[in-house]
Amino acid sequence: MLKNIHTEGVAEAKSNLKFVTALCCNRGIRRTVGIPTSSCPVPESLIYAVPKPEEVTKNYYTPGTTVTYVCRRGYDSIPGMSPVITCLQNNSWSEVPIFCRGKSCGDPGKPENGRVVIVTDLLYRSKVNFICDDGYQLIGSPFTQCSMKSNAAKWDKEPPDCQHRGKSDSELLE
């Protein structure tokens, strides 16, 4: 509950939270509007999730307030992981757990007479490289990236060709 205290024509709001007082004069009527000076900042968007739009319309978040995130396109929620953060008493948000995982693109394939080098994983936004065996030349893109096409995760390029180029590098050194 807020209590208005008037001293020397200045209104001040008091409660268990610290508040900033705003005075508005309209035809001699004064109003006190309280805005907490101690609150959490607006929740950040993550690479894999954003706060629900209806939960980021506030200018302030008092301790105890919760915000729920939703996974972005290209990511699925991880069962059992909570997408909720809480504004703590120290005016910071609780730790944001990893609650979304990139969709899988599956096997990117490999060029005949070559191989695929998986740099991180086969999930959304990852990249894999292609290398040809000794004595073969790569024709096409040396990499592909997992991206979204319609509502499915797909590799953006097919594996390249590895064409025989004559003698292998080791044979040329002999």
Protein backbone atom coordinates (compact mmCIF):
# COMPACT_ATOMS: atom_id res chain seq x y z
CA MET A 1 0.00 0.00 0.00
CA LEU A 2 1.24 3.47 -0.83
CA LYS A 3 0.76 6.33 1.60
CA ASN A 4 0.95 9.91 0.41
CA ILE A 5 2.72 12.29 2.77
CA HIS A 6 2.44 16.00 2.06
CA THR A 7 5.12 18.34 3.41
CA GLU A 8 5.48 21.94 2.27
CA GLY A 9 3.49 21.29 -0.94
CA VAL A 10 5.65 18.35 -2.10
CA ALA A 11 4.08 14.91 -2.35
CA GLU A 12 6.19 11.86 -1.62
CA ALA A 13 5.21 8.19 -1.93
CA LYS A 14 6.23 5.73 0.78
CA SER A 15 6.07 1.92 0.81
CA ASN A 16 8.33 -1.04 1.37
CA LEU A 17 9.97 -0.19 -2.00
CA LYS A 18 11.80 2.99 -2.90
CA PHE A 19 9.73 5.14 -5.25
CA VAL A 20 10.27 8.21 -7.39
CA THR A 21 7.52 10.78 -7.08
CA ALA A 22 6.01 12.46 -10.08
CA LEU A 23 3.71 15.42 -9.58
CA CYS A 24 1.13 16.41 -12.08
CA CYS A 25 -0.85 19.54 -11.84
CA ASN A 26 -4.16 19.87 -13.65
CA ARG A 27 -6.46 22.68 -12.56
CA GLY A 28 -5.02 22.66 -9.08
CA ILE A 29 -5.23 18.87 -8.61
CA ARG A 30 -2.03 17.08 -7.60
CA ARG A 31 -1.40 13.40 -8.21
CA THR A 32 1.47 11.25 -7.00
CA VAL A 33 2.61 8.48 -9.34
CA GLY A 34 5.05 5.95 -7.92
CA ILE A 35 7.70 4.26 -10.04
CA PRO A 36 10.15 1.96 -8.24
CA THR A 37 13.76 3.14 -8.27
CA SER A 38 14.89 -0.35 -7.33
CA SER A 39 13.98 -2.92 -9.95
CA CYS A 40 15.47 -5.37 -12.44
CA PRO A 41 16.34 -4.16 -15.96
CA VAL A 42 14.25 -5.17 -18.96
CA PRO A 43 14.97 -8.89 -19.62
CA GLU A 44 17.42 -9.53 -22.46
CA SER A 45 16.72 -11.50 -25.60
CA LEU A 46 18.89 -14.59 -26.00
CA ILE A 47 20.32 -16.14 -29.15
CA TYR A 48 17.88 -19.04 -28.72
CA ALA A 49 14.90 -17.40 -26.98
CA VAL A 50 13.01 -14.16 -26.33
CA PRO A 51 10.77 -13.08 -23.46
CA LYS A 52 7.06 -13.55 -24.21
CA PRO A 53 5.96 -10.26 -25.85
CA GLU A 54 3.19 -9.63 -23.30
CA GLU A 55 5.74 -9.84 -20.48
CA VAL A 56 8.12 -7.13 -21.71
CA THR A 57 5.67 -4.24 -21.87
CA LYS A 58 6.61 -2.94 -18.42
CA ASN A 59 9.09 -0.18 -17.63
CA TYR A 60 10.16 -1.89 -14.41
CA TYR A 61 10.25 -5.34 -12.78
CA THR A 62 10.06 -5.48 -9.00
CA PRO A 63 11.68 -8.30 -7.01
CA GLY A 64 9.58 -11.47 -7.24
CA THR A 65 8.38 -10.71 -10.78
CA THR A 66 8.80 -13.62 -13.20
CA VAL A 67 9.28 -13.53 -16.99
CA THR A 68 8.77 -16.52 -19.27
CA TYR A 69 10.83 -17.02 -22.43
CA VAL A 70 9.82 -18.75 -25.68
CA CYS A 71 12.24 -20.52 -28.03
CA ARG A 72 13.06 -18.72 -31.27
CA ARG A 73 12.50 -20.21 -34.71
CA GLY A 74 15.07 -22.97 -35.25
CA TYR A 75 15.05 -24.04 -31.60
CA ASP A 76 12.96 -26.52 -29.60
CA SER A 77 12.33 -26.45 -25.87
CA ILE A 78 14.26 -28.97 -23.77
CA PRO A 79 11.83 -31.10 -21.75
CA GLY A 80 12.12 -30.52 -18.01
CA MET A 81 13.95 -27.18 -18.33
CA SER A 82 12.08 -24.12 -17.07
CA PRO A 83 12.04 -21.04 -19.34
CA VAL A 84 11.26 -18.72 -16.40
CA ILE A 85 13.53 -16.15 -14.73
CA THR A 86 12.79 -14.20 -11.54
CA CYS A 87 13.71 -10.68 -10.49
CA LEU A 88 15.77 -11.15 -7.31
CA GLN A 89 15.95 -8.93 -4.21
CA ASN A 90 19.35 -7.59 -5.38
CA ASN A 91 17.63 -6.21 -8.53
CA SER A 92 19.20 -8.73 -10.89
CA TRP A 93 17.58 -11.62 -12.75
CA SER A 94 18.01 -15.22 -11.70
CA GLU A 95 20.38 -17.26 -13.82
CA VAL A 96 18.96 -18.02 -17.25
CA PRO A 97 19.03 -21.77 -17.81
CA ILE A 98 19.57 -23.25 -21.25
CA PHE A 99 16.03 -24.39 -22.03
CA CYS A 100 16.09 -24.46 -25.85
CA ARG A 101 18.16 -26.60 -28.21
CA GLY A 102 18.80 -26.06 -31.90
CA LYS A 103 16.84 -28.26 -34.29
CA SER A 104 18.91 -30.98 -35.94
CA CYS A 105 19.80 -30.88 -39.62
CA GLY A 106 20.85 -34.52 -39.52
CA ASP A 107 23.64 -36.00 -41.63
CA PRO A 108 25.10 -33.42 -44.05
CA GLY A 109 26.41 -36.17 -46.33
CA LYS A 110 29.98 -36.45 -47.50
CA PRO A 111 31.62 -36.13 -50.87
CA GLU A 112 32.75 -39.32 -52.57
CA ASN A 113 36.54 -39.43 -52.13
CA GLY A 114 36.33 -36.94 -49.29
CA ARG A 115 35.07 -36.43 -45.79
CA VAL A 116 33.04 -34.05 -43.65
CA VAL A 117 34.56 -32.22 -40.67
CA ILE A 118 31.98 -31.50 -37.99
CA VAL A 119 33.17 -28.37 -36.19
CA THR A 120 30.61 -28.27 -33.33
CA ASP A 121 27.44 -30.32 -33.92
CA LEU A 122 24.70 -30.87 -36.50
CA LEU A 123 22.19 -28.44 -35.00
CA TYR A 124 20.63 -25.20 -36.27
CA ARG A 125 23.23 -22.50 -37.09
CA SER A 126 26.15 -24.95 -37.05
CA LYS A 127 28.60 -25.27 -39.92
CA VAL A 128 30.46 -28.29 -41.29
CA ASN A 129 33.44 -28.33 -43.65
CA PHE A 130 34.23 -30.68 -46.52
CA ILE A 131 37.71 -31.94 -47.41
CA CYS A 132 38.78 -34.08 -50.36
CA ASP A 133 41.13 -37.04 -50.10
CA ASP A 134 44.72 -36.69 -51.27
CA GLY A 135 44.84 -36.49 -55.06
CA TYR A 136 41.32 -35.06 -55.37
CA GLN A 137 40.21 -31.49 -55.93
CA LEU A 138 37.14 -30.00 -54.24
CA ILE A 139 34.60 -28.66 -56.74
CA GLY A 140 31.82 -26.68 -55.04
CA SER A 141 31.46 -25.16 -51.62
CA PRO A 142 33.92 -26.28 -48.92
CA PHE A 143 31.22 -25.89 -46.22
CA THR A 144 27.49 -25.97 -45.51
CA GLN A 145 25.44 -24.40 -42.73
CA CYS A 146 22.35 -25.68 -40.93
CA SER A 147 19.54 -23.18 -41.55
CA MET A 148 15.75 -23.05 -41.46
CA LYS A 149 13.79 -23.73 -44.63
CA SER A 150 10.03 -23.49 -44.12
CA ASN A 151 9.72 -24.96 -40.63
CA ALA A 152 12.51 -27.54 -40.88
CA ALA A 153 16.24 -27.40 -40.25
CA LYS A 154 18.14 -28.20 -43.49
CA TRP A 155 21.70 -27.91 -44.79
CA ASP A 156 21.94 -24.93 -47.14
CA LYS A 157 24.29 -26.66 -49.62
CA GLU A 158 24.83 -30.17 -50.93
CA PRO A 159 28.23 -31.81 -50.40
CA PRO A 160 30.74 -30.83 -53.11
CA ASP A 161 32.36 -33.14 -55.64
CA CYS A 162 35.90 -34.38 -55.21
CA GLN A 163 37.39 -34.89 -58.68
CA HIS A 164 40.57 -36.84 -59.31
CA ARG A 165 43.30 -34.45 -60.36
CA GLY A 166 45.95 -36.90 -61.55
CA LYS A 167 48.85 -37.79 -59.32
CA SER A 168 48.43 -37.47 -55.57
CA ASP A 169 50.45 -34.93 -53.61
CA SER A 170 52.59 -37.70 -52.10
CA GLU A 171 53.33 -39.16 -55.57
CA LEU A 172 54.41 -35.73 -56.80
CA LEU A 173 56.98 -35.53 -53.99
CA GLU A 174 58.68 -38.78 -55.06
